[in-house]
Amino acid sequence: MDPESPDLELVIGGRPARFPAVWLRDNCPCPDCLAPGTGQKLNDITDIPNGLAAKRYLCATEPGYLGLLSAESVRTLALQGGPMTPEQAAAFRALPYARDAVAVRRWDDEAKDPSVAPPEFGHFEILLRALLERGVLSS
């Protein structure tokens, strides 16, 4: 898995499978995203704004966050325009998926910590098998 990529790549049955971040967000099975009982999506993929730049937001709003970034992450931060201005941060905070983007960024940050163990494959396997059975993914 490329830590700078927004995509998740897993090897399933010896073959790599790539899941774009926006696809993962759109297929979230949590109760905030699916209606209880019916499983119907509560949000549409078109509601997800492009380029949720949580790293830029955190660098602008949390003192010391920039110092936690790797050299490569600092480089990509510069390519993205650097930390947000206060106005950009306020606009970002108002977006419907800002909280989710920050949560995913924090999850990504934790995943880079060598002392934190990632979830076992079984954590993802049930969802991935269901997606394969529904034909959303191909093996």
N, C-alpha and C. Protein backbone atom coordinates (compact mmCIF):
# COMPACT_ATOMS: atom_id res chain seq x y z
N MET A 1 0.85 -1.18 0.00
CA MET A 1 0.00 0.00 0.00
C MET A 1 0.88 1.24 0.00
N ASP A 2 0.62 2.16 -0.90
CA ASP A 2 1.37 3.41 -1.00
C ASP A 2 0.78 4.39 0.01
N PRO A 3 1.54 4.80 1.03
CA PRO A 3 0.98 5.68 2.07
C PRO A 3 0.56 7.04 1.55
N GLU A 4 1.05 7.46 0.38
CA GLU A 4 0.66 8.75 -0.15
C GLU A 4 -0.55 8.64 -1.09
N SER A 5 -0.95 7.42 -1.42
CA SER A 5 -2.08 7.23 -2.32
C SER A 5 -3.38 7.23 -1.53
N PRO A 6 -4.44 7.82 -2.07
CA PRO A 6 -5.72 7.78 -1.38
C PRO A 6 -6.42 6.44 -1.57
N ASP A 7 -5.83 5.55 -2.38
CA ASP A 7 -6.44 4.26 -2.66
C ASP A 7 -5.96 3.20 -1.69
N LEU A 8 -6.81 2.19 -1.47
CA LEU A 8 -6.45 1.02 -0.68
C LEU A 8 -6.21 -0.11 -1.66
N GLU A 9 -5.08 -0.77 -1.53
CA GLU A 9 -4.79 -1.90 -2.40
C GLU A 9 -4.59 -3.14 -1.54
N LEU A 10 -5.37 -4.18 -1.85
CA LEU A 10 -5.27 -5.45 -1.15
C LEU A 10 -4.96 -6.54 -2.16
N VAL A 11 -4.36 -7.62 -1.71
CA VAL A 11 -4.15 -8.77 -2.57
C VAL A 11 -5.16 -9.82 -2.14
N ILE A 12 -6.05 -10.19 -3.07
CA ILE A 12 -7.11 -11.15 -2.80
C ILE A 12 -6.92 -12.31 -3.76
N GLY A 13 -6.72 -13.51 -3.22
CA GLY A 13 -6.51 -14.67 -4.07
C GLY A 13 -5.30 -14.52 -4.96
N GLY A 14 -4.28 -13.83 -4.46
CA GLY A 14 -3.05 -13.64 -5.23
C GLY A 14 -3.11 -12.52 -6.24
N ARG A 15 -4.26 -11.85 -6.35
CA ARG A 15 -4.39 -10.76 -7.32
C ARG A 15 -4.64 -9.45 -6.59
N PRO A 16 -3.98 -8.38 -7.04
CA PRO A 16 -4.21 -7.08 -6.37
C PRO A 16 -5.59 -6.53 -6.71
N ALA A 17 -6.21 -5.91 -5.73
CA ALA A 17 -7.49 -5.22 -5.92
C ALA A 17 -7.32 -3.82 -5.35
N ARG A 18 -7.63 -2.81 -6.16
CA ARG A 18 -7.47 -1.42 -5.76
C ARG A 18 -8.85 -0.81 -5.51
N PHE A 19 -8.98 -0.11 -4.39
CA PHE A 19 -10.22 0.53 -4.00
C PHE A 19 -9.97 2.03 -3.86
N PRO A 20 -10.46 2.84 -4.80
CA PRO A 20 -10.28 4.29 -4.69
C PRO A 20 -10.95 4.83 -3.43
N ALA A 21 -10.36 5.86 -2.84
CA ALA A 21 -10.88 6.43 -1.60
C ALA A 21 -12.33 6.84 -1.72
N VAL A 22 -12.70 7.45 -2.84
CA VAL A 22 -14.09 7.90 -3.00
C VAL A 22 -15.03 6.69 -3.07
N TRP A 23 -14.58 5.58 -3.66
CA TRP A 23 -15.39 4.37 -3.70
C TRP A 23 -15.58 3.81 -2.29
N LEU A 24 -14.47 3.77 -1.51
CA LEU A 24 -14.58 3.30 -0.13
C LEU A 24 -15.56 4.15 0.66
N ARG A 25 -15.48 5.47 0.46
CA ARG A 25 -16.38 6.38 1.19
C ARG A 25 -17.83 6.12 0.77
N ASP A 26 -18.05 5.93 -0.52
CA ASP A 26 -19.39 5.71 -1.04
C ASP A 26 -19.97 4.37 -0.59
N ASN A 27 -19.12 3.40 -0.28
CA ASN A 27 -19.58 2.07 0.11
C ASN A 27 -19.44 1.81 1.60
N CYS A 28 -19.33 2.85 2.38
CA CYS A 28 -19.21 2.71 3.82
C CYS A 28 -20.46 2.01 4.38
N PRO A 29 -20.28 0.95 5.19
CA PRO A 29 -21.44 0.23 5.72
C PRO A 29 -21.89 0.70 7.11
N CYS A 30 -21.38 1.84 7.59
CA CYS A 30 -21.72 2.26 8.95
C CYS A 30 -23.17 2.75 9.03
N PRO A 31 -23.75 2.79 10.23
CA PRO A 31 -25.15 3.22 10.39
C PRO A 31 -25.42 4.67 10.01
N ASP A 32 -24.37 5.49 9.92
CA ASP A 32 -24.56 6.87 9.48
C ASP A 32 -24.72 6.95 7.96
N CYS A 33 -24.31 5.88 7.26
CA CYS A 33 -24.33 5.89 5.80
C CYS A 33 -25.42 5.00 5.20
N LEU A 34 -25.89 4.02 5.97
CA LEU A 34 -26.93 3.11 5.48
C LEU A 34 -28.14 3.16 6.40
N ALA A 35 -29.32 3.14 5.79
CA ALA A 35 -30.56 3.14 6.57
C ALA A 35 -30.70 1.82 7.31
N PRO A 36 -31.05 1.86 8.61
CA PRO A 36 -31.24 0.62 9.36
C PRO A 36 -32.37 -0.21 8.74
N GLY A 37 -32.16 -1.50 8.69
CA GLY A 37 -33.19 -2.40 8.17
C GLY A 37 -33.16 -2.56 6.67
N THR A 38 -33.10 -1.47 5.92
CA THR A 38 -33.14 -1.57 4.46
C THR A 38 -31.75 -1.61 3.84
N GLY A 39 -30.77 -1.02 4.52
CA GLY A 39 -29.43 -0.96 3.96
C GLY A 39 -29.30 0.04 2.82
N GLN A 40 -30.34 0.85 2.61
CA GLN A 40 -30.29 1.85 1.54
C GLN A 40 -29.31 2.96 1.90
N LYS A 41 -28.56 3.41 0.90
CA LYS A 41 -27.60 4.50 1.12
C LYS A 41 -28.33 5.77 1.51
N LEU A 42 -27.77 6.47 2.49
CA LEU A 42 -28.34 7.73 2.93
C LEU A 42 -27.72 8.92 2.21
N ASN A 43 -26.59 8.68 1.55
CA ASN A 43 -25.87 9.75 0.85
C ASN A 43 -25.58 9.30 -0.56
N ASP A 44 -25.47 10.24 -1.46
CA ASP A 44 -25.15 9.96 -2.85
C ASP A 44 -23.68 10.28 -3.10
N ILE A 45 -23.04 9.50 -3.96
CA ILE A 45 -21.62 9.73 -4.24
C ILE A 45 -21.37 11.13 -4.78
N THR A 46 -22.36 11.70 -5.44
CA THR A 46 -22.17 13.06 -5.97
C THR A 46 -22.16 14.11 -4.87
N ASP A 47 -22.57 13.72 -3.66
CA ASP A 47 -22.50 14.64 -2.52
C ASP A 47 -21.09 14.75 -1.94
N ILE A 48 -20.21 13.82 -2.33
CA ILE A 48 -18.85 13.82 -1.80
C ILE A 48 -18.02 14.80 -2.61
N PRO A 49 -17.53 15.87 -2.00
CA PRO A 49 -16.75 16.83 -2.78
C PRO A 49 -15.41 16.24 -3.20
N ASN A 50 -14.94 16.67 -4.36
CA ASN A 50 -13.63 16.23 -4.84
C ASN A 50 -12.54 16.86 -3.98
N GLY A 51 -11.48 16.11 -3.78
CA GLY A 51 -10.28 16.66 -3.13
C GLY A 51 -10.48 17.04 -1.68
N LEU A 52 -11.09 16.18 -0.89
CA LEU A 52 -11.18 16.47 0.54
C LEU A 52 -9.77 16.50 1.11
N ALA A 53 -9.24 17.68 1.33
CA ALA A 53 -7.83 17.85 1.74
C ALA A 53 -7.71 17.98 3.24
N ALA A 54 -7.94 16.85 3.94
CA ALA A 54 -7.90 16.86 5.40
C ALA A 54 -6.51 17.17 5.94
N LYS A 55 -5.48 16.75 5.23
CA LYS A 55 -4.11 17.04 5.68
C LYS A 55 -3.90 18.55 5.72
N ARG A 56 -4.33 19.26 4.70
CA ARG A 56 -4.19 20.72 4.65
C ARG A 56 -4.97 21.36 5.80
N TYR A 57 -6.15 20.82 6.08
CA TYR A 57 -7.00 21.34 7.16
C TYR A 57 -6.32 21.14 8.52
N LEU A 58 -5.85 19.91 8.76
CA LEU A 58 -5.22 19.62 10.06
C LEU A 58 -3.95 20.44 10.27
N CYS A 59 -3.19 20.66 9.19
CA CYS A 59 -1.98 21.49 9.31
C CYS A 59 -2.33 22.93 9.67
N ALA A 60 -3.50 23.38 9.23
CA ALA A 60 -3.92 24.75 9.51
C ALA A 60 -4.56 24.92 10.88
N THR A 61 -5.16 23.85 11.40
CA THR A 61 -5.96 24.00 12.62
C THR A 61 -5.38 23.34 13.86
N GLU A 62 -4.39 22.47 13.69
CA GLU A 62 -3.81 21.79 14.85
C GLU A 62 -2.32 22.11 14.96
N PRO A 63 -1.96 22.89 15.98
CA PRO A 63 -0.55 23.21 16.17
C PRO A 63 0.26 21.91 16.31
N GLY A 64 1.36 21.85 15.61
CA GLY A 64 2.24 20.69 15.71
C GLY A 64 1.94 19.57 14.72
N TYR A 65 0.78 19.61 14.04
CA TYR A 65 0.44 18.52 13.12
C TYR A 65 1.44 18.44 11.97
N LEU A 66 1.86 19.59 11.45
CA LEU A 66 2.82 19.61 10.35
C LEU A 66 4.11 18.88 10.74
N GLY A 67 4.52 19.01 11.98
CA GLY A 67 5.74 18.36 12.46
C GLY A 67 5.63 16.84 12.52
N LEU A 68 4.43 16.30 12.45
CA LEU A 68 4.23 14.85 12.47
C LEU A 68 4.35 14.21 11.09
N LEU A 69 4.34 15.04 10.04
CA LEU A 69 4.32 14.52 8.68
C LEU A 69 5.71 14.07 8.22
N SER A 70 5.71 13.05 7.39
CA SER A 70 6.97 12.59 6.77
C SER A 70 7.42 13.64 5.76
N ALA A 71 8.66 13.53 5.33
CA ALA A 71 9.19 14.47 4.33
C ALA A 71 8.37 14.40 3.04
N GLU A 72 7.98 13.20 2.63
CA GLU A 72 7.20 13.04 1.41
C GLU A 72 5.81 13.65 1.57
N SER A 73 5.22 13.50 2.75
CA SER A 73 3.91 14.08 2.99
C SER A 73 3.98 15.61 3.01
N VAL A 74 5.06 16.15 3.53
CA VAL A 74 5.26 17.61 3.49
C VAL A 74 5.39 18.07 2.04
N ARG A 75 6.09 17.28 1.23
CA ARG A 75 6.24 17.62 -0.19
C ARG A 75 4.89 17.64 -0.89
N THR A 76 4.06 16.62 -0.65
CA THR A 76 2.74 16.60 -1.30
C THR A 76 1.83 17.68 -0.74
N LEU A 77 2.02 18.04 0.52
CA LEU A 77 1.26 19.15 1.10
C LEU A 77 1.56 20.43 0.33
N ALA A 78 2.83 20.65 0.03
CA ALA A 78 3.21 21.84 -0.73
C ALA A 78 2.59 21.82 -2.13
N LEU A 79 2.56 20.63 -2.76
CA LEU A 79 1.95 20.51 -4.08
C LEU A 79 0.45 20.80 -4.05
N GLN A 80 -0.18 20.51 -2.90
CA GLN A 80 -1.62 20.74 -2.74
C GLN A 80 -1.93 22.18 -2.35
N GLY A 81 -0.92 22.99 -2.14
CA GLY A 81 -1.16 24.38 -1.80
C GLY A 81 -0.81 24.76 -0.38
N GLY A 82 -0.22 23.84 0.38
CA GLY A 82 0.17 24.12 1.76
C GLY A 82 -1.03 24.11 2.69
N PRO A 83 -0.81 24.44 3.96
CA PRO A 83 -1.93 24.48 4.91
C PRO A 83 -3.01 25.45 4.45
N MET A 84 -4.24 25.15 4.80
CA MET A 84 -5.37 26.03 4.42
C MET A 84 -5.27 27.36 5.13
N THR A 85 -5.83 28.37 4.50
CA THR A 85 -6.00 29.66 5.17
C THR A 85 -7.15 29.51 6.16
N PRO A 86 -7.30 30.44 7.10
CA PRO A 86 -8.46 30.34 8.01
C PRO A 86 -9.79 30.30 7.26
N GLU A 87 -9.90 31.04 6.18
CA GLU A 87 -11.15 31.03 5.40
C GLU A 87 -11.38 29.67 4.75
N GLN A 88 -10.32 29.09 4.18
CA GLN A 88 -10.43 27.76 3.57
C GLN A 88 -10.79 26.71 4.62
N ALA A 89 -10.18 26.81 5.80
CA ALA A 89 -10.47 25.85 6.87
C ALA A 89 -11.93 25.95 7.30
N ALA A 90 -12.45 27.16 7.41
CA ALA A 90 -13.86 27.33 7.78
C ALA A 90 -14.78 26.74 6.71
N ALA A 91 -14.44 26.96 5.45
CA ALA A 91 -15.25 26.41 4.35
C ALA A 91 -15.16 24.89 4.34
N PHE A 92 -13.98 24.35 4.59
CA PHE A 92 -13.81 22.90 4.64
C PHE A 92 -14.64 22.30 5.76
N ARG A 93 -14.57 22.92 6.95
CA ARG A 93 -15.30 22.43 8.12
C ARG A 93 -16.80 22.37 7.85
N ALA A 94 -17.31 23.24 6.99
CA ALA A 94 -18.74 23.30 6.68
C ALA A 94 -19.18 22.23 5.68
N LEU A 95 -18.22 21.56 5.02
CA LEU A 95 -18.58 20.53 4.04
C LEU A 95 -19.22 19.33 4.74
N PRO A 96 -20.17 18.67 4.07
CA PRO A 96 -20.87 17.55 4.72
C PRO A 96 -19.97 16.37 5.08
N TYR A 97 -18.87 16.17 4.36
CA TYR A 97 -18.00 15.03 4.65
C TYR A 97 -16.67 15.44 5.28
N ALA A 98 -16.57 16.64 5.78
CA ALA A 98 -15.31 17.10 6.37
C ALA A 98 -14.93 16.24 7.57
N ARG A 99 -15.88 15.97 8.44
CA ARG A 99 -15.60 15.16 9.63
C ARG A 99 -15.09 13.78 9.23
N ASP A 100 -15.72 13.19 8.19
CA ASP A 100 -15.30 11.88 7.71
C ASP A 100 -13.89 11.94 7.12
N ALA A 101 -13.61 12.99 6.35
CA ALA A 101 -12.29 13.14 5.74
C ALA A 101 -11.21 13.24 6.82
N VAL A 102 -11.48 13.98 7.88
CA VAL A 102 -10.53 14.11 8.98
C VAL A 102 -10.36 12.77 9.68
N ALA A 103 -11.46 12.04 9.88
CA ALA A 103 -11.38 10.71 10.51
C ALA A 103 -10.55 9.75 9.68
N VAL A 104 -10.74 9.78 8.35
CA VAL A 104 -9.95 8.91 7.47
C VAL A 104 -8.49 9.31 7.51
N ARG A 105 -8.20 10.61 7.54
CA ARG A 105 -6.82 11.08 7.61
C ARG A 105 -6.16 10.62 8.91
N ARG A 106 -6.91 10.71 10.02
CA ARG A 106 -6.36 10.27 11.30
C ARG A 106 -6.11 8.75 11.28
N TRP A 107 -7.04 8.01 10.66
CA TRP A 107 -6.86 6.56 10.52
C TRP A 107 -5.61 6.29 9.71
N ASP A 108 -5.43 7.03 8.63
CA ASP A 108 -4.25 6.87 7.79
C ASP A 108 -2.99 7.19 8.59
N ASP A 109 -3.02 8.25 9.38
CA ASP A 109 -1.87 8.61 10.22
C ASP A 109 -1.55 7.48 11.19
N GLU A 110 -2.58 6.92 11.83
CA GLU A 110 -2.37 5.83 12.78
C GLU A 110 -1.81 4.60 12.08
N ALA A 111 -2.25 4.37 10.84
CA ALA A 111 -1.78 3.19 10.10
C ALA A 111 -0.29 3.30 9.79
N LYS A 112 0.24 4.51 9.76
CA LYS A 112 1.67 4.70 9.47
C LYS A 112 2.54 4.50 10.71
N ASP A 113 1.94 4.41 11.87
CA ASP A 113 2.68 4.23 13.11
C ASP A 113 3.08 2.76 13.24
N PRO A 114 4.38 2.46 13.23
CA PRO A 114 4.78 1.05 13.28
C PRO A 114 4.37 0.34 14.56
N SER A 115 4.02 1.08 15.60
CA SER A 115 3.61 0.42 16.84
C SER A 115 2.12 0.10 16.86
N VAL A 116 1.39 0.54 15.84
CA VAL A 116 -0.05 0.26 15.76
C VAL A 116 -0.28 -0.85 14.74
N ALA A 117 -0.97 -1.90 15.16
CA ALA A 117 -1.23 -3.02 14.25
C ALA A 117 -2.49 -2.74 13.43
N PRO A 118 -2.43 -2.97 12.12
CA PRO A 118 -3.62 -2.79 11.29
C PRO A 118 -4.63 -3.89 11.57
N PRO A 119 -5.90 -3.68 11.22
CA PRO A 119 -6.88 -4.75 11.40
C PRO A 119 -6.49 -5.96 10.56
N GLU A 120 -6.85 -7.13 11.04
CA GLU A 120 -6.61 -8.35 10.29
C GLU A 120 -7.44 -8.33 9.02
N PHE A 121 -7.04 -9.12 8.02
CA PHE A 121 -7.75 -9.16 6.75
C PHE A 121 -9.23 -9.51 6.96
N GLY A 122 -9.51 -10.36 7.92
CA GLY A 122 -10.89 -10.74 8.20
C GLY A 122 -11.80 -9.54 8.47
N HIS A 123 -11.22 -8.46 8.95
CA HIS A 123 -11.97 -7.24 9.19
C HIS A 123 -12.60 -6.72 7.89
N PHE A 124 -11.89 -6.90 6.77
CA PHE A 124 -12.35 -6.42 5.47
C PHE A 124 -12.97 -7.53 4.61
N GLU A 125 -12.64 -8.78 4.94
CA GLU A 125 -13.00 -9.89 4.07
C GLU A 125 -14.50 -10.04 3.85
N ILE A 126 -15.31 -9.89 4.89
CA ILE A 126 -16.76 -10.06 4.75
C ILE A 126 -17.32 -9.05 3.76
N LEU A 127 -16.92 -7.78 3.90
CA LEU A 127 -17.39 -6.75 2.97
C LEU A 127 -16.91 -7.04 1.55
N LEU A 128 -15.66 -7.40 1.41
CA LEU A 128 -15.12 -7.66 0.07
C LEU A 128 -15.81 -8.85 -0.58
N ARG A 129 -16.07 -9.92 0.18
CA ARG A 129 -16.77 -11.08 -0.38
C ARG A 129 -18.19 -10.69 -0.81
N ALA A 130 -18.85 -9.90 0.00
CA ALA A 130 -20.20 -9.46 -0.36
C ALA A 130 -20.18 -8.63 -1.64
N LEU A 131 -19.18 -7.79 -1.78
CA LEU A 131 -19.06 -6.98 -3.00
C LEU A 131 -18.76 -7.85 -4.21
N LEU A 132 -17.94 -8.87 -4.02
CA LEU A 132 -17.67 -9.80 -5.13
C LEU A 132 -18.95 -10.53 -5.53
N GLU A 133 -19.73 -10.97 -4.54
CA GLU A 133 -20.97 -11.70 -4.83
C GLU A 133 -21.99 -10.81 -5.54
N ARG A 134 -22.03 -9.54 -5.19
CA ARG A 134 -22.96 -8.60 -5.84
C ARG A 134 -22.47 -8.15 -7.21
N GLY A 135 -21.24 -8.51 -7.55
CA GLY A 135 -20.69 -8.13 -8.85
C GLY A 135 -20.13 -6.73 -8.89
N VAL A 136 -20.01 -6.09 -7.72
CA VAL A 136 -19.45 -4.73 -7.67
C VAL A 136 -17.96 -4.80 -7.97
N LEU A 137 -17.31 -5.87 -7.52
CA LEU A 137 -15.89 -6.09 -7.79
C LEU A 137 -15.76 -7.33 -8.65
N SER A 138 -14.68 -7.40 -9.40
CA SER A 138 -14.40 -8.63 -10.15
C SER A 138 -13.10 -9.21 -9.63
N SER A 139 -13.03 -10.51 -9.56
CA SER A 139 -11.82 -11.15 -9.05
C SER A 139 -10.84 -11.45 -10.16
